[in-house]
Amino acid sequence: DLEFDDGVSDVYAYLDEHVKYPESLEGQRAEGTCTVQFLVGADGSISQVSVARTSGYKEMDEEAVRVVKEFPNWKPAQIDGKAVAMKTQLPVRFEYVESDIDE
């Protein structure tokens, strides 16, 4: 499986920490999910990052791609005990959360 050291929970924790809701959409309170496709190389590196399914908002899609491109290396997939490159997809969810801070 393609994963960080501790699996899927690590991936979503990373997304929660690094994905920023696009400021340009705050007034619209927009929400959506962008599915990002990418290649995990035999060395665990991330490449060929693209939008497989749009959120419907260019800003969300761009942010999802930015964060996936910055992933640390993953554990590569293995076939017969040998590391291999494999494409995978990951949904990145954007939810509008109203700020408690008065600006």
C-alpha atoms as a PDB file:
ATOM      1  CA  ASP A   1       0.000   0.000   0.000  1.00  0.00           C
ATOM      2  CA  LEU A   2       0.961   3.593  -0.591  1.00  0.00           C
ATOM      3  CA  GLU A   3       1.129   5.376   2.709  1.00  0.00           C
ATOM      4  CA  PHE A   4       3.090   7.400   5.177  1.00  0.00           C
ATOM      5  CA  ASP A   5       4.714   5.402   7.988  1.00  0.00           C
ATOM      6  CA  ASP A   6       1.484   5.133  10.009  1.00  0.00           C
ATOM      7  CA  GLY A   7      -0.948   4.817   7.111  1.00  0.00           C
ATOM      8  CA  VAL A   8      -4.014   6.708   5.989  1.00  0.00           C
ATOM      9  CA  SER A   9      -4.466   8.611   9.252  1.00  0.00           C
ATOM     10  CA  ASP A  10      -1.041  10.216   8.657  1.00  0.00           C
ATOM     11  CA  VAL A  11      -2.090  11.321   5.175  1.00  0.00           C
ATOM     12  CA  TYR A  12      -5.260  13.022   6.411  1.00  0.00           C
ATOM     13  CA  ALA A  13      -3.447  14.569   9.389  1.00  0.00           C
ATOM     14  CA  TYR A  14      -0.930  16.012   6.918  1.00  0.00           C
ATOM     15  CA  LEU A  15      -3.741  17.399   4.745  1.00  0.00           C
ATOM     16  CA  ASP A  16      -5.511  18.911   7.778  1.00  0.00           C
ATOM     17  CA  GLU A  17      -2.308  20.662   8.779  1.00  0.00           C
ATOM     18  CA  HIS A  18      -1.183  21.899   5.354  1.00  0.00           C
ATOM     19  CA  VAL A  19      -4.298  22.592   3.249  1.00  0.00           C
ATOM     20  CA  LYS A  20      -5.359  26.232   3.456  1.00  0.00           C
ATOM     21  CA  TYR A  21      -8.901  27.282   2.561  1.00  0.00           C
ATOM     22  CA  PRO A  22      -8.616  29.768  -0.347  1.00  0.00           C
ATOM     23  CA  GLU A  23      -9.145  33.307   0.995  1.00  0.00           C
ATOM     24  CA  SER A  24     -10.740  34.344  -2.293  1.00  0.00           C
ATOM     25  CA  LEU A  25     -13.635  31.934  -1.625  1.00  0.00           C
ATOM     26  CA  GLU A  26     -14.360  32.892   1.990  1.00  0.00           C
ATOM     27  CA  GLY A  27     -17.119  35.328   1.026  1.00  0.00           C
ATOM     28  CA  GLN A  28     -18.859  32.576  -0.950  1.00  0.00           C
ATOM     29  CA  ARG A  29     -18.554  30.008   1.860  1.00  0.00           C
ATOM     30  CA  ALA A  30     -17.733  27.527  -0.913  1.00  0.00           C
ATOM     31  CA  GLU A  31     -17.128  23.852  -0.185  1.00  0.00           C
ATOM     32  CA  GLY A  32     -15.952  21.031  -2.387  1.00  0.00           C
ATOM     33  CA  THR A  33     -13.740  18.002  -2.858  1.00  0.00           C
ATOM     34  CA  CYS A  34     -10.895  17.848  -5.349  1.00  0.00           C
ATOM     35  CA  THR A  35      -9.565  14.401  -6.245  1.00  0.00           C
ATOM     36  CA  VAL A  36      -5.849  14.576  -6.974  1.00  0.00           C
ATOM     37  CA  GLN A  37      -4.064  11.869  -8.981  1.00  0.00           C
ATOM     38  CA  PHE A  38      -0.321  11.343  -8.618  1.00  0.00           C
ATOM     39  CA  LEU A  39       2.476   8.850  -9.085  1.00  0.00           C
ATOM     40  CA  VAL A  40       4.337   7.422  -6.101  1.00  0.00           C
ATOM     41  CA  GLY A  41       7.721   6.368  -7.454  1.00  0.00           C
ATOM     42  CA  ALA A  42       9.597   3.215  -6.484  1.00  0.00           C
ATOM     43  CA  ASP A  43      11.696   5.530  -4.271  1.00  0.00           C
ATOM     44  CA  GLY A  44       8.548   6.947  -2.620  1.00  0.00           C
ATOM     45  CA  SER A  45       8.771  10.329  -4.346  1.00  0.00           C
ATOM     46  CA  ILE A  46       5.636  12.124  -5.577  1.00  0.00           C
ATOM     47  CA  SER A  47       5.322  13.221  -9.224  1.00  0.00           C
ATOM     48  CA  GLN A  48       2.822  13.641 -12.089  1.00  0.00           C
ATOM     49  CA  VAL A  49       0.376  15.471  -9.804  1.00  0.00           C
ATOM     50  CA  SER A  50      -2.891  16.451 -11.509  1.00  0.00           C
ATOM     51  CA  VAL A  51      -6.583  17.008 -10.861  1.00  0.00           C
ATOM     52  CA  ALA A  52      -8.554  13.820 -11.547  1.00  0.00           C
ATOM     53  CA  ARG A  53     -11.895  15.316 -10.454  1.00  0.00           C
ATOM     54  CA  THR A  54     -12.404  19.029  -9.930  1.00  0.00           C
ATOM     55  CA  SER A  55     -13.983  20.542  -6.841  1.00  0.00           C
ATOM     56  CA  GLY A  56     -15.691  23.032  -9.139  1.00  0.00           C
ATOM     57  CA  TYR A  57     -13.419  25.806  -7.841  1.00  0.00           C
ATOM     58  CA  LYS A  58     -10.077  26.554  -9.504  1.00  0.00           C
ATOM     59  CA  GLU A  59      -8.616  27.889  -6.244  1.00  0.00           C
ATOM     60  CA  MET A  60      -9.423  24.680  -4.334  1.00  0.00           C
ATOM     61  CA  ASP A  61      -8.000  22.506  -7.102  1.00  0.00           C
ATOM     62  CA  GLU A  62      -4.779  24.558  -7.180  1.00  0.00           C
ATOM     63  CA  GLU A  63      -4.405  24.317  -3.400  1.00  0.00           C
ATOM     64  CA  ALA A  64      -4.980  20.551  -3.398  1.00  0.00           C
ATOM     65  CA  VAL A  65      -2.323  20.071  -6.104  1.00  0.00           C
ATOM     66  CA  ARG A  66       0.111  22.361  -4.244  1.00  0.00           C
ATOM     67  CA  VAL A  67      -0.170  20.356  -1.026  1.00  0.00           C
ATOM     68  CA  VAL A  68       0.142  16.957  -2.728  1.00  0.00           C
ATOM     69  CA  LYS A  69       3.265  18.153  -4.588  1.00  0.00           C
ATOM     70  CA  GLU A  70       4.791  19.007  -1.193  1.00  0.00           C
ATOM     71  CA  PHE A  71       4.099  15.593   0.402  1.00  0.00           C
ATOM     72  CA  PRO A  72       7.086  13.921   2.002  1.00  0.00           C
ATOM     73  CA  ASN A  73       8.002  10.585   0.415  1.00  0.00           C
ATOM     74  CA  TRP A  74       5.520   7.736   0.771  1.00  0.00           C
ATOM     75  CA  LYS A  75       6.193   4.056   1.268  1.00  0.00           C
ATOM     76  CA  PRO A  76       6.190   2.741  -2.297  1.00  0.00           C
ATOM     77  CA  ALA A  77       3.913  -0.075  -3.400  1.00  0.00           C
ATOM     78  CA  GLN A  78       5.517  -3.513  -3.579  1.00  0.00           C
ATOM     79  CA  ILE A  79       5.067  -6.411  -5.936  1.00  0.00           C
ATOM     80  CA  ASP A  80       6.813  -9.660  -4.992  1.00  0.00           C
ATOM     81  CA  GLY A  81       8.802  -7.754  -2.369  1.00  0.00           C
ATOM     82  CA  LYS A  82      10.126  -5.228  -4.884  1.00  0.00           C
ATOM     83  CA  ALA A  83       9.266  -1.514  -4.710  1.00  0.00           C
ATOM     84  CA  VAL A  84       7.348  -0.305  -7.771  1.00  0.00           C
ATOM     85  CA  ALA A  85       5.885   2.975  -8.990  1.00  0.00           C
ATOM     86  CA  MET A  86       2.101   3.232  -8.766  1.00  0.00           C
ATOM     87  CA  LYS A  87      -0.522   5.859  -9.554  1.00  0.00           C
ATOM     88  CA  THR A  88      -2.987   6.689  -6.829  1.00  0.00           C
ATOM     89  CA  GLN A  89      -5.783   9.170  -6.134  1.00  0.00           C
ATOM     90  CA  LEU A  90      -6.609  11.130  -3.032  1.00  0.00           C
ATOM     91  CA  PRO A  91      -9.703  13.224  -2.276  1.00  0.00           C
ATOM     92  CA  VAL A  92      -8.954  16.604  -0.686  1.00  0.00           C
ATOM     93  CA  ARG A  93     -12.021  18.087   1.036  1.00  0.00           C
ATOM     94  CA  PHE A  94     -12.515  21.813   1.552  1.00  0.00           C
ATOM     95  CA  GLU A  95     -15.033  22.905   4.180  1.00  0.00           C
ATOM     96  CA  TYR A  96     -15.830  26.495   4.990  1.00  0.00           C
ATOM     97  CA  VAL A  97     -15.303  27.178   8.686  1.00  0.00           C
ATOM     98  CA  GLU A  98     -16.284  30.609   9.907  1.00  0.00           C
ATOM     99  CA  SER A  99     -13.446  32.268  11.782  1.00  0.00           C
ATOM    100  CA  ASP A 100     -13.939  33.105  15.444  1.00  0.00           C
ATOM    101  CA  ILE A 101     -11.482  35.983  15.110  1.00  0.00           C
ATOM    102  CA  ASP A 102     -12.890  39.441  14.372  1.00  0.00           C
ATOM    103  CA  GLU A 103     -10.800  41.133  11.707  1.00  0.00           C
END
